[in-house]
């Protein structure tokens, strides 16, 4: 299985559109509302699944020259899993290539952890008290981070330790982990801005046994249902920040925001995870 979905060659110069490559590590690790919001803003998107359902491994990523943005989502795997190192190593090389070519890269949870490894950091299981499941708030650490503090959804057992490197800037954090960071043209996130209720329900169906003892599935769904409308508005702002701050210089001008109702009318996508939702 190669990359999926409407593929035009030649990138934005040939098509007049911003083109985004969306990397899912498993079929279930879908772009969800981020994919919907990018499409609503006129971005041409293509999805690439690293571990398709047939059990193969696909690290034949399409040429970066065809894209203005690469977004990598979560995984059921841990970044340090010895059994995953063949494809994890190939994806880390891809991330380094995006940075060398100044192709904007956004890594979400597991994708952010791989960016952390690509810039010389480490990923390890967090202490129990610092593992995040549910709704989180984050604090901006840089004026460049023009994104709301929350609510955001999180579900991860691992966290990133960044290198002591002046090229690496923490954009946001909280008491549990680095939540957003930047190195050149690449940004990594620890939280999950892409989720909706259908996505959380899928994660619970697949990995309810990963919930901490103080959570039940019903409680998590109730908490997320209350936070979801505001979190989706926050995600709209995040997507606009990515297109303006990260991609705008490549296409001449920042891409205009979609109408507020645009992504709400798009159809829902499926799932993502780490350990369950990294």
Protein backbone atom coordinates (compact mmCIF):
# COMPACT_ATOMS: atom_id res chain seq x y z
CA UNK A 1 0.00 0.00 0.00
CA UNK A 2 1.40 3.36 -0.99
CA UNK A 3 0.07 6.79 -0.10
CA UNK A 4 -3.67 7.36 -0.39
CA UNK A 5 -6.06 9.96 -1.73
CA UNK A 6 -6.11 12.74 -4.32
CA UNK A 7 -2.54 13.08 -5.30
CA UNK A 8 -1.48 15.82 -7.72
CA UNK A 9 2.21 16.15 -8.52
CA UNK A 10 4.18 19.34 -8.38
CA UNK A 11 3.02 20.76 -5.06
CA UNK A 12 1.44 24.19 -4.66
CA UNK A 13 3.45 25.74 -7.51
CA UNK A 14 1.69 23.44 -10.00
CA UNK A 15 -1.77 23.27 -8.44
CA UNK A 16 -2.17 26.72 -6.86
CA UNK A 17 -3.20 24.97 -3.63
CA UNK A 18 -1.45 24.34 -0.37
CA UNK A 19 -0.75 20.58 -0.27
CA UNK A 20 -0.47 18.62 2.97
CA UNK A 21 0.79 15.09 3.57
CA UNK A 22 -1.01 13.53 6.55
CA UNK A 23 0.83 10.56 8.07
CA UNK A 24 -1.14 7.97 10.03
CA UNK A 25 0.86 5.26 11.74
CA UNK A 26 -2.07 2.86 11.75
CA UNK A 27 -5.28 2.97 9.72
CA UNK A 28 -7.12 3.94 12.92
CA UNK A 29 -4.84 6.93 13.54
CA UNK A 30 -6.93 9.21 11.38
CA UNK A 31 -6.51 12.98 10.86
CA UNK A 32 -10.05 13.52 12.19
CA UNK A 33 -11.00 17.20 12.58
CA UNK A 34 -7.58 18.50 11.58
CA UNK A 35 -8.03 16.83 8.21
CA UNK A 36 -11.52 18.30 7.97
CA UNK A 37 -10.36 21.80 8.90
CA UNK A 38 -7.48 21.75 6.43
CA UNK A 39 -9.82 20.62 3.66
CA UNK A 40 -12.33 23.31 4.62
CA UNK A 41 -9.57 25.89 4.11
CA UNK A 42 -8.89 24.64 0.59
CA UNK A 43 -5.81 22.56 1.44
CA UNK A 44 -5.29 19.53 -0.81
CA UNK A 45 -4.63 16.60 1.53
CA UNK A 46 -3.14 13.17 0.98
CA UNK A 47 -2.93 10.46 3.60
CA UNK A 48 -0.10 7.97 4.01
CA UNK A 49 -0.51 4.95 6.32
CA UNK A 50 2.75 3.54 7.66
CA UNK A 51 1.27 0.29 9.05
CA UNK A 52 -1.66 -0.66 6.80
CA UNK A 53 -4.19 -3.36 7.78
CA UNK A 54 -2.49 -6.05 5.65
CA UNK A 55 0.37 -6.20 8.18
CA UNK A 56 2.99 -4.65 5.90
CA UNK A 57 5.15 -1.63 6.65
CA UNK A 58 5.11 1.30 4.24
CA UNK A 59 7.92 3.81 4.68
CA UNK A 60 7.97 4.72 0.97
CA UNK A 61 6.93 8.28 1.73
CA UNK A 62 6.09 10.46 -1.28
CA UNK A 63 8.55 13.22 -2.29
CA UNK A 64 8.61 16.16 0.10
CA UNK A 65 8.89 18.52 -2.88
CA UNK A 66 5.21 17.80 -3.59
CA UNK A 67 4.06 19.23 -0.24
CA UNK A 68 3.89 22.47 1.70
CA UNK A 69 3.10 20.79 5.03
CA UNK A 70 3.58 17.38 6.65
CA UNK A 71 1.42 16.39 9.66
CA UNK A 72 2.09 13.15 11.59
CA UNK A 73 -0.45 11.81 14.08
CA UNK A 74 -0.46 9.33 16.97
CA UNK A 75 0.23 5.61 17.21
CA UNK A 76 -0.57 2.56 19.27
CA UNK A 77 3.19 2.04 19.54
CA UNK A 78 5.72 3.67 21.83
CA UNK A 79 8.56 5.57 20.19
CA UNK A 80 11.12 3.48 22.10
CA UNK A 81 9.53 0.08 21.30
CA UNK A 82 12.38 -2.12 19.97
CA UNK A 83 9.98 -3.91 17.62
CA UNK A 84 9.07 -0.61 15.93
CA UNK A 85 12.55 0.78 15.34
CA UNK A 86 12.78 -0.09 11.63
CA UNK A 87 9.85 2.12 10.67
CA UNK A 88 10.37 4.61 13.50
CA UNK A 89 13.94 5.15 12.29
CA UNK A 90 12.76 5.68 8.71
CA UNK A 91 10.21 8.25 9.85
CA UNK A 92 12.75 10.09 11.98
CA UNK A 93 14.90 10.38 8.83
CA UNK A 94 11.87 11.79 6.99
CA UNK A 95 11.40 14.37 9.76
CA UNK A 96 15.05 15.36 9.50
CA UNK A 97 14.58 15.72 5.75
CA UNK A 98 11.61 18.04 6.29
CA UNK A 99 13.80 20.22 8.48
CA UNK A 100 16.71 20.18 6.02
CA UNK A 101 14.37 21.27 3.21
CA UNK A 102 12.42 23.65 5.49
CA UNK A 103 9.19 21.80 4.72
CA UNK A 104 6.85 22.62 7.63
CA UNK A 105 6.24 19.61 9.88
CA UNK A 106 3.61 19.29 12.62
CA UNK A 107 3.93 16.24 14.88
CA UNK A 108 0.99 15.36 17.11
CA UNK A 109 1.59 13.23 20.23
CA UNK A 110 3.56 10.25 18.80
CA UNK A 111 4.47 12.44 15.82
CA UNK A 112 5.71 15.09 18.25
CA UNK A 113 7.70 12.50 20.16
CA UNK A 114 9.43 11.42 16.94
CA UNK A 115 10.33 15.06 16.32
CA UNK A 116 11.80 15.16 19.83
CA UNK A 117 14.00 12.19 18.93
CA UNK A 118 14.91 13.73 15.56
CA UNK A 119 16.34 16.84 17.26
CA UNK A 120 18.36 14.85 19.82
CA UNK A 121 15.89 14.52 22.70
CA UNK A 122 14.46 11.41 24.33
CA UNK A 123 11.08 9.81 24.99
CA UNK A 124 10.31 7.72 28.06
CA UNK A 125 7.35 6.57 30.09
CA UNK A 126 6.20 9.36 32.40
CA UNK A 127 5.68 8.82 36.13
CA UNK A 128 2.11 7.76 36.87
CA UNK A 129 1.27 11.20 38.27
CA UNK A 130 2.34 12.86 35.01
CA UNK A 131 0.51 10.61 32.57
CA UNK A 132 -2.32 12.60 31.01
CA UNK A 133 -5.79 11.30 30.16
CA UNK A 134 -8.70 13.64 29.59
CA UNK A 135 -8.84 17.43 29.30
CA UNK A 136 -5.69 19.48 29.86
CA UNK A 137 -4.64 23.11 29.94
CA UNK A 138 -1.27 24.36 28.76
CA UNK A 139 0.73 27.54 29.34
CA UNK A 140 2.42 29.54 26.59
CA UNK A 141 6.18 29.93 27.00
CA UNK A 142 6.84 31.95 23.85
CA UNK A 143 5.14 34.95 22.24
CA UNK A 144 5.27 33.02 18.95
CA UNK A 145 2.68 30.55 20.31
CA UNK A 146 -0.58 32.30 19.44
CA UNK A 147 -2.78 29.33 20.35
CA UNK A 148 -5.34 28.99 23.19
CA UNK A 149 -4.31 27.42 26.48
CA UNK A 150 -7.16 24.94 26.38
CA UNK A 151 -9.15 22.89 26.81
CA UNK A 152 -7.30 20.22 24.81
CA UNK A 153 -7.64 16.45 24.83
CA UNK A 154 -4.71 14.29 25.95
CA UNK A 155 -4.10 10.58 26.34
CA UNK A 156 -0.46 9.58 26.65
CA UNK A 157 1.77 7.50 28.90
CA UNK A 158 5.05 8.88 27.55
CA UNK A 159 6.62 12.31 27.46
CA UNK A 160 9.43 14.12 25.70
CA UNK A 161 12.69 15.40 27.18
CA UNK A 162 14.17 18.00 24.85
CA UNK A 163 17.91 18.51 24.29
CA UNK A 164 19.77 21.48 25.67
CA UNK A 165 20.00 23.08 22.26
CA UNK A 166 19.38 26.77 21.47
CA UNK A 167 17.66 25.78 18.21
CA UNK A 168 14.89 24.03 20.18
CA UNK A 169 12.28 26.36 21.69
CA UNK A 170 9.57 25.34 24.14
CA UNK A 171 6.34 26.98 22.98
CA UNK A 172 4.03 25.68 25.74
CA UNK A 173 4.06 23.30 28.67
CA UNK A 174 2.26 22.37 31.86
CA UNK A 175 3.17 20.65 35.10
CA UNK A 176 3.26 17.25 33.40
CA UNK A 177 5.16 17.68 30.15
CA UNK A 178 6.42 19.85 27.35
CA UNK A 179 3.24 20.37 25.33
CA UNK A 180 4.51 22.26 22.26
CA UNK A 181 8.00 22.94 20.95
CA UNK A 182 9.68 24.15 17.81
CA UNK A 183 12.92 23.57 15.98
CA UNK A 184 13.24 25.52 12.75
CA UNK A 185 10.38 24.59 10.43
CA UNK A 186 9.09 21.79 12.70
CA UNK A 187 6.63 21.92 15.60
CA UNK A 188 5.79 19.07 17.98
CA UNK A 189 2.70 18.76 20.19
CA UNK A 190 2.10 16.36 23.08
CA UNK A 191 -1.69 16.84 23.23
CA UNK A 192 -4.31 15.75 20.67
CA UNK A 193 -6.04 18.71 18.97
CA UNK A 194 -7.62 16.48 16.30
CA UNK A 195 -10.07 14.47 18.40
CA UNK A 196 -13.85 14.42 18.44
CA UNK A 197 -16.28 12.26 20.42
CA UNK A 198 -16.28 9.51 17.80
CA UNK A 199 -12.49 9.34 17.99
CA UNK A 200 -12.46 9.14 21.80
CA UNK A 201 -15.13 6.43 21.68
CA UNK A 202 -12.95 4.43 19.28
CA UNK A 203 -9.94 4.78 21.55
CA UNK A 204 -11.99 3.55 24.49
CA UNK A 205 -13.25 0.60 22.45
CA UNK A 206 -9.70 -0.35 21.48
CA UNK A 207 -7.81 0.53 24.65
CA UNK A 208 -10.10 1.00 27.63
CA UNK A 209 -7.66 -1.14 29.65
CA UNK A 210 -5.15 1.73 29.40
CA UNK A 211 -7.37 4.03 31.44
CA UNK A 212 -6.05 4.91 34.91
CA UNK A 213 -8.00 3.38 37.78
CA UNK A 214 -9.73 6.67 38.64
CA UNK A 215 -11.36 6.93 35.18
CA UNK A 216 -14.27 5.06 33.66
CA UNK A 217 -15.16 5.25 29.97
CA UNK A 218 -18.43 6.98 30.81
CA UNK A 219 -16.65 9.62 32.91
CA UNK A 220 -14.09 10.34 30.20
CA UNK A 221 -16.80 10.69 27.53
CA UNK A 222 -18.80 13.00 29.79
CA UNK A 223 -15.81 15.24 30.51
CA UNK A 224 -14.83 15.40 26.86
CA UNK A 225 -18.39 16.09 25.67
CA UNK A 226 -18.48 19.17 27.89
CA UNK A 227 -15.10 20.44 26.65
CA UNK A 228 -15.38 19.47 22.99
CA UNK A 229 -17.09 22.57 21.51
CA UNK A 230 -14.47 24.94 22.94
CA UNK A 231 -11.65 22.54 22.11
CA UNK A 232 -12.79 22.46 18.48
CA UNK A 233 -12.79 26.25 18.37
CA UNK A 234 -9.27 26.11 19.77
CA UNK A 235 -8.29 23.66 17.04
CA UNK A 236 -9.59 26.09 14.41
CA UNK A 237 -7.15 28.66 15.81
CA UNK A 238 -4.32 26.11 15.86
CA UNK A 239 -4.91 25.19 12.21
CA UNK A 240 -4.97 28.87 11.24
CA UNK A 241 -1.73 29.43 13.20
CA UNK A 242 -0.08 26.50 11.40
CA UNK A 243 -1.12 27.79 7.98
CA UNK A 244 -0.12 31.40 8.70
CA UNK A 245 2.96 30.94 10.91
CA UNK A 246 4.42 27.74 9.46
CA UNK A 247 3.19 27.55 5.85
CA UNK A 248 2.39 31.14 4.85
CA UNK A 249 5.94 32.09 3.85
CA UNK A 250 6.09 29.15 1.41
CA UNK A 251 3.02 30.25 -0.55
CA UNK A 252 3.46 34.00 -0.35
CA UNK A 253 0.64 34.97 2.03
CA UNK A 254 -1.08 33.41 5.05
CA UNK A 255 -3.99 31.21 4.08
CA UNK A 256 -7.38 32.70 5.03
CA UNK A 257 -9.39 31.06 7.77
CA UNK A 258 -12.44 29.03 6.79
CA UNK A 259 -15.89 30.23 7.84
CA UNK A 260 -16.72 29.11 11.37
CA UNK A 261 -19.26 26.60 10.08
CA UNK A 262 -17.01 25.04 7.43
CA UNK A 263 -15.39 22.28 9.43
CA UNK A 264 -18.55 21.62 11.41
CA UNK A 265 -20.25 20.52 8.20
CA UNK A 266 -17.43 18.18 7.19
CA UNK A 267 -17.81 14.47 7.78
CA UNK A 268 -16.12 12.90 10.80
CA UNK A 269 -12.96 10.81 10.55
CA UNK A 270 -11.74 7.86 12.65
CA UNK A 271 -8.98 7.14 15.20
CA UNK A 272 -5.51 7.80 16.65
CA UNK A 273 -3.51 6.65 19.69
CA UNK A 274 -0.24 5.98 21.69
CA UNK A 275 0.03 2.98 23.90
CA UNK A 276 -3.48 4.02 23.19
CA UNK A 277 -3.14 7.63 22.20
CA UNK A 278 0.45 8.81 21.87
